[in-house]
């Protein structure tokens, strides 16, 4: 899913153009070519290793990429305007505006996802800005802190859909660098997952602290505390998740850590889909 947006290549720009998509920063929303899509439901962004797609209607990424491979744009399209770099002061200001998640729409979203245990570094914002000026909208959002050590570097804003209990969009504010969502404190054993929902559910089911890198491409580059001797990869059950785990394994192996894998059962795409006791 689209979390951290890199500057898109011309190839990605042309794909978005051919699909009639619109850009919000370096994230694009398009009509999905893998199903009859009346309302744009496909998120496209540039990844470190190629194009990254997520269909909010539920299409398999491989099916979407297969349809995209058949596209012949026919011309070059104009790239999106460069995104403005956000200072840490804006990140801290938004975080300080956040409220406790208890008895809020953010708590309802967490319960909707099966996350019932309390976790650190989650807040609720009743009027969080979404989109660039002058078309900015203010929507309720769950704020997910990304910290390097204990320093706040960025916030993932999960804009909430109050009608169905899910979310509308996920957008990063700030530059996460080596930061991660740290829902529980760790001692010697730490797990890493891509999304914060995945990390929270892994912790809830396995009673092992799991941090979220907030993107598959960042699994190999987050700060690991010196106290950690065992590092577990709670990888997703898809090609992107396995590629990310292989890169992370190679990156952390020189540190002498005891590296292990704990993907979810094969019938699930990630730990966020697993229900306690399943």
Protein backbone atom coordinates (compact mmCIF):
# COMPACT_ATOMS: atom_id res chain seq x y z
CA UNK A 1 0.00 0.00 0.00
CA UNK A 2 1.12 3.55 -0.62
CA UNK A 3 3.00 4.87 2.36
CA UNK A 4 6.16 6.74 1.40
CA UNK A 5 6.20 8.33 -2.05
CA UNK A 6 9.37 8.51 -4.11
CA UNK A 7 9.63 10.71 -7.21
CA UNK A 8 8.02 8.68 -10.01
CA UNK A 9 9.94 7.63 -13.10
CA UNK A 10 8.62 8.65 -16.51
CA UNK A 11 7.38 5.09 -16.99
CA UNK A 12 5.19 5.33 -13.87
CA UNK A 13 4.01 8.81 -14.89
CA UNK A 14 2.96 7.46 -18.29
CA UNK A 15 1.11 4.52 -16.72
CA UNK A 16 -0.85 6.87 -14.47
CA UNK A 17 -1.59 9.10 -17.45
CA UNK A 18 -2.81 6.17 -19.56
CA UNK A 19 -5.16 5.16 -16.73
CA UNK A 20 -6.49 8.70 -16.44
CA UNK A 21 -5.17 8.99 -12.90
CA UNK A 22 -4.67 12.04 -10.71
CA UNK A 23 -1.67 12.84 -8.54
CA UNK A 24 -1.66 13.89 -4.89
CA UNK A 25 1.98 14.67 -4.31
CA UNK A 26 3.82 11.59 -5.56
CA UNK A 27 0.87 9.25 -4.94
CA UNK A 28 -1.63 8.64 -7.75
CA UNK A 29 -5.21 7.35 -7.72
CA UNK A 30 -6.46 5.63 -10.88
CA UNK A 31 -9.29 3.43 -12.11
CA UNK A 32 -8.10 -0.13 -11.61
CA UNK A 33 -7.62 -2.03 -14.91
CA UNK A 34 -8.21 -5.38 -13.19
CA UNK A 35 -11.93 -4.79 -12.55
CA UNK A 36 -14.83 -2.59 -13.67
CA UNK A 37 -13.88 0.51 -11.72
CA UNK A 38 -16.37 3.37 -11.73
CA UNK A 39 -14.57 5.28 -8.98
CA UNK A 40 -10.75 5.39 -8.82
CA UNK A 41 -9.69 2.72 -6.34
CA UNK A 42 -6.12 1.94 -7.44
CA UNK A 43 -3.20 3.59 -5.65
CA UNK A 44 0.03 3.77 -7.67
CA UNK A 45 3.41 5.01 -6.49
CA UNK A 46 7.08 4.64 -7.25
CA UNK A 47 8.89 2.00 -5.21
CA UNK A 48 12.61 1.46 -4.79
CA UNK A 49 12.43 -1.58 -7.08
CA UNK A 50 9.64 -0.56 -9.46
CA UNK A 51 5.96 0.34 -9.46
CA UNK A 52 3.89 -0.34 -6.33
CA UNK A 53 0.13 -0.80 -6.56
CA UNK A 54 -2.73 -1.26 -4.11
CA UNK A 55 -6.36 -1.71 -5.15
CA UNK A 56 -8.74 -0.67 -2.38
CA UNK A 57 -11.44 -2.81 -4.03
CA UNK A 58 -9.38 -5.91 -3.24
CA UNK A 59 -7.75 -6.88 -6.56
CA UNK A 60 -4.61 -9.01 -6.29
CA UNK A 61 -1.49 -6.88 -7.00
CA UNK A 62 -0.21 -9.47 -9.48
CA UNK A 63 -3.46 -9.22 -11.47
CA UNK A 64 -3.20 -5.43 -11.48
CA UNK A 65 0.44 -5.49 -12.61
CA UNK A 66 -0.43 -8.00 -15.34
CA UNK A 67 -3.06 -5.62 -16.72
CA UNK A 68 -0.72 -2.64 -16.41
CA UNK A 69 1.92 -4.54 -18.42
CA UNK A 70 -0.57 -4.65 -21.32
CA UNK A 71 -0.89 -0.85 -21.40
CA UNK A 72 0.62 1.12 -24.28
CA UNK A 73 0.49 4.78 -23.18
CA UNK A 74 1.34 6.09 -26.65
CA UNK A 75 2.86 9.33 -25.37
CA UNK A 76 4.69 10.90 -22.45
CA UNK A 77 2.67 12.63 -19.75
CA UNK A 78 3.70 15.53 -17.53
CA UNK A 79 5.12 14.48 -14.15
CA UNK A 80 3.53 15.68 -10.91
CA UNK A 81 4.86 18.79 -9.24
CA UNK A 82 7.68 18.13 -6.74
CA UNK A 83 6.48 17.54 -3.21
CA UNK A 84 7.47 20.07 -0.58
CA UNK A 85 9.73 18.73 2.13
CA UNK A 86 8.03 18.93 5.52
CA UNK A 87 10.01 20.11 8.53
CA UNK A 88 9.96 18.28 11.85
CA UNK A 89 8.23 21.29 13.44
CA UNK A 90 5.09 20.56 11.38
CA UNK A 91 5.28 16.90 12.37
CA UNK A 92 5.58 17.72 16.05
CA UNK A 93 2.81 20.31 15.88
CA UNK A 94 0.37 17.84 14.32
CA UNK A 95 1.36 15.16 16.84
CA UNK A 96 0.83 17.55 19.74
CA UNK A 97 -2.67 18.31 18.42
CA UNK A 98 -3.52 14.60 18.63
CA UNK A 99 -5.90 13.23 21.26
CA UNK A 100 -6.04 9.84 23.02
CA UNK A 101 -7.55 7.12 20.85
CA UNK A 102 -9.84 5.87 23.62
CA UNK A 103 -13.56 6.39 22.85
CA UNK A 104 -12.75 7.96 19.47
CA UNK A 105 -13.26 6.96 15.81
CA UNK A 106 -9.61 5.87 15.86
CA UNK A 107 -10.40 3.28 18.53
CA UNK A 108 -13.39 2.13 16.46
CA UNK A 109 -11.05 1.64 13.48
CA UNK A 110 -8.60 -0.37 15.57
CA UNK A 111 -11.38 -2.61 16.89
CA UNK A 112 -12.69 -2.99 13.33
CA UNK A 113 -9.24 -4.34 12.41
CA UNK A 114 -9.26 -6.68 15.41
CA UNK A 115 -6.71 -4.67 17.40
CA UNK A 116 -8.01 -4.66 20.97
CA UNK A 117 -4.85 -4.31 23.07
CA UNK A 118 -3.42 -0.87 23.96
CA UNK A 119 -0.34 0.29 22.04
CA UNK A 120 1.95 3.29 22.35
CA UNK A 121 2.41 6.10 19.83
CA UNK A 122 -1.12 6.18 18.42
CA UNK A 123 -3.31 9.29 18.58
CA UNK A 124 -6.55 10.61 17.11
CA UNK A 125 -6.91 13.88 15.18
CA UNK A 126 -10.51 15.02 14.56
CA UNK A 127 -9.60 17.45 11.72
CA UNK A 128 -6.40 16.28 10.09
CA UNK A 129 -5.39 18.02 6.81
CA UNK A 130 -5.62 15.80 3.71
CA UNK A 131 -4.41 16.92 0.30
CA UNK A 132 -2.56 19.99 -0.96
CA UNK A 133 -3.81 23.57 -0.88
CA UNK A 134 -6.18 24.99 -2.07
CA UNK A 135 -8.21 21.75 -2.09
CA UNK A 136 -7.18 20.59 1.39
CA UNK A 137 -9.89 18.72 3.30
CA UNK A 138 -9.96 18.16 7.05
CA UNK A 139 -10.90 14.63 8.06
CA UNK A 140 -10.68 12.45 11.19
CA UNK A 141 -7.47 10.46 11.24
CA UNK A 142 -5.48 7.98 13.27
CA UNK A 143 -1.94 9.29 13.81
CA UNK A 144 0.85 6.70 13.85
CA UNK A 145 4.20 7.99 15.13
CA UNK A 146 7.44 6.97 13.40
CA UNK A 147 10.45 7.33 15.68
CA UNK A 148 14.17 6.80 15.30
CA UNK A 149 15.26 5.91 18.80
CA UNK A 150 12.78 8.05 20.73
CA UNK A 151 12.93 11.01 18.31
CA UNK A 152 9.75 11.70 16.35
CA UNK A 153 10.62 11.80 12.63
CA UNK A 154 7.31 11.37 10.81
CA UNK A 155 3.62 10.56 11.19
CA UNK A 156 1.54 8.19 9.13
CA UNK A 157 -1.95 9.67 8.87
CA UNK A 158 -4.67 7.06 8.45
CA UNK A 159 -7.74 8.97 7.24
CA UNK A 160 -10.81 7.23 8.58
CA UNK A 161 -13.98 6.21 6.77
CA UNK A 162 -16.64 6.71 9.42
CA UNK A 163 -19.29 4.92 7.35
CA UNK A 164 -17.75 1.46 7.00
CA UNK A 165 -15.12 1.54 9.76
CA UNK A 166 -12.16 1.31 7.38
CA UNK A 167 -9.87 3.99 6.02
CA UNK A 168 -9.84 6.31 3.00
CA UNK A 169 -6.12 6.92 2.58
CA UNK A 170 -2.76 6.61 4.30
CA UNK A 171 -0.30 9.47 3.91
CA UNK A 172 3.09 10.09 5.50
CA UNK A 173 4.00 13.49 6.93
CA UNK A 174 7.72 14.07 7.40
CA UNK A 175 10.77 12.01 6.45
CA UNK A 176 10.93 8.71 8.36
CA UNK A 177 14.56 7.87 7.43
CA UNK A 178 15.43 5.02 9.83
CA UNK A 179 12.29 5.50 11.95
CA UNK A 180 9.58 2.95 12.73
CA UNK A 181 6.33 2.71 14.64
CA UNK A 182 7.27 1.36 18.07
CA UNK A 183 4.05 0.09 19.60
CA UNK A 184 5.80 -1.74 22.45
CA UNK A 185 9.17 -1.34 24.15
CA UNK A 186 11.69 -4.12 23.48
CA UNK A 187 14.54 -5.86 25.28
CA UNK A 188 16.38 -8.63 23.41
CA UNK A 189 13.76 -9.80 20.88
CA UNK A 190 12.14 -7.64 18.21
CA UNK A 191 9.96 -8.41 15.18
CA UNK A 192 9.59 -6.17 12.13
CA UNK A 193 6.53 -5.89 9.89
CA UNK A 194 5.49 -3.56 7.08
CA UNK A 195 2.25 -1.94 8.25
CA UNK A 196 1.35 -0.84 11.75
CA UNK A 197 -1.85 -2.94 11.73
CA UNK A 198 0.26 -5.96 10.80
CA UNK A 199 2.76 -5.23 13.55
CA UNK A 200 0.04 -4.66 16.15
CA UNK A 201 -1.76 -7.90 15.29
CA UNK A 202 1.52 -9.86 15.32
CA UNK A 203 2.26 -8.53 18.81
CA UNK A 204 -1.27 -9.25 19.99
CA UNK A 205 -1.21 -12.86 18.74
CA UNK A 206 2.39 -13.86 19.49
CA UNK A 207 3.17 -11.67 22.54
CA UNK A 208 6.39 -10.50 20.83
CA UNK A 209 7.02 -6.75 20.35
CA UNK A 210 6.74 -5.97 16.65
CA UNK A 211 7.60 -2.60 15.12
CA UNK A 212 6.28 -1.34 11.78
CA UNK A 213 8.62 -0.04 9.10
CA UNK A 214 5.61 1.62 7.40
CA UNK A 215 6.51 0.28 3.99
CA UNK A 216 8.03 -2.89 2.52
CA UNK A 217 10.89 -0.94 0.96
CA UNK A 218 12.02 0.23 4.42
CA UNK A 219 12.25 -3.20 6.06
CA UNK A 220 16.03 -3.19 5.60
CA UNK A 221 16.79 0.32 6.83
CA UNK A 222 15.24 1.00 10.25
CA UNK A 223 17.15 1.61 13.47
CA UNK A 224 17.49 -1.52 15.65
CA UNK A 225 18.20 -0.95 19.37
CA UNK A 226 21.55 -2.23 20.67
CA UNK A 227 19.74 -4.43 23.20
CA UNK A 228 18.21 -6.58 20.44
CA UNK A 229 19.89 -9.93 19.80
CA UNK A 230 17.03 -11.72 17.99
CA UNK A 231 15.32 -10.10 15.00
CA UNK A 232 12.18 -11.67 13.52
CA UNK A 233 10.74 -10.81 10.11
CA UNK A 234 6.93 -10.87 10.19
CA UNK A 235 6.90 -10.68 6.40
CA UNK A 236 3.82 -10.48 4.20
CA UNK A 237 2.82 -13.51 2.14
CA UNK A 238 3.33 -11.88 -1.26
CA UNK A 239 6.25 -11.37 -3.69
CA UNK A 240 6.92 -7.83 -2.45
CA UNK A 241 7.00 -9.01 1.17
CA UNK A 242 9.41 -11.83 0.39
CA UNK A 243 11.69 -9.52 -1.62
CA UNK A 244 11.73 -7.05 1.26
CA UNK A 245 12.58 -9.80 3.75
CA UNK A 246 15.49 -11.05 1.62
CA UNK A 247 16.94 -7.54 1.39
CA UNK A 248 16.47 -7.00 5.13
CA UNK A 249 18.09 -10.35 5.94
CA UNK A 250 21.19 -9.35 3.96
CA UNK A 251 21.25 -5.90 5.57
CA UNK A 252 21.01 -7.03 9.20
CA UNK A 253 23.02 -10.26 9.00
CA UNK A 254 26.44 -8.50 9.36
CA UNK A 255 25.34 -7.23 12.79
CA UNK A 256 25.50 -10.77 14.19
CA UNK A 257 21.80 -10.88 15.08
CA UNK A 258 19.89 -14.13 15.38
CA UNK A 259 17.58 -13.72 12.35
CA UNK A 260 14.29 -15.59 12.07
CA UNK A 261 11.18 -15.68 9.87
CA UNK A 262 7.59 -15.69 11.09
CA UNK A 263 5.25 -15.17 8.12
CA UNK A 264 1.53 -15.64 8.78
CA UNK A 265 -0.18 -18.94 7.94
CA UNK A 266 -0.27 -19.43 4.17
CA UNK A 267 -3.98 -18.68 3.80
CA UNK A 268 -3.42 -15.11 5.01
CA UNK A 269 -1.77 -12.23 3.14
CA UNK A 270 -0.30 -10.71 6.30
CA UNK A 271 -0.62 -10.86 10.08
CA UNK A 272 -3.24 -8.09 10.00
CA UNK A 273 -5.65 -10.61 8.43
CA UNK A 274 -5.13 -13.20 11.17
CA UNK A 275 -7.62 -13.21 14.01
CA UNK A 276 -6.57 -14.26 17.53
CA UNK A 277 -7.24 -17.96 18.03
CA UNK A 278 -7.48 -18.66 14.28
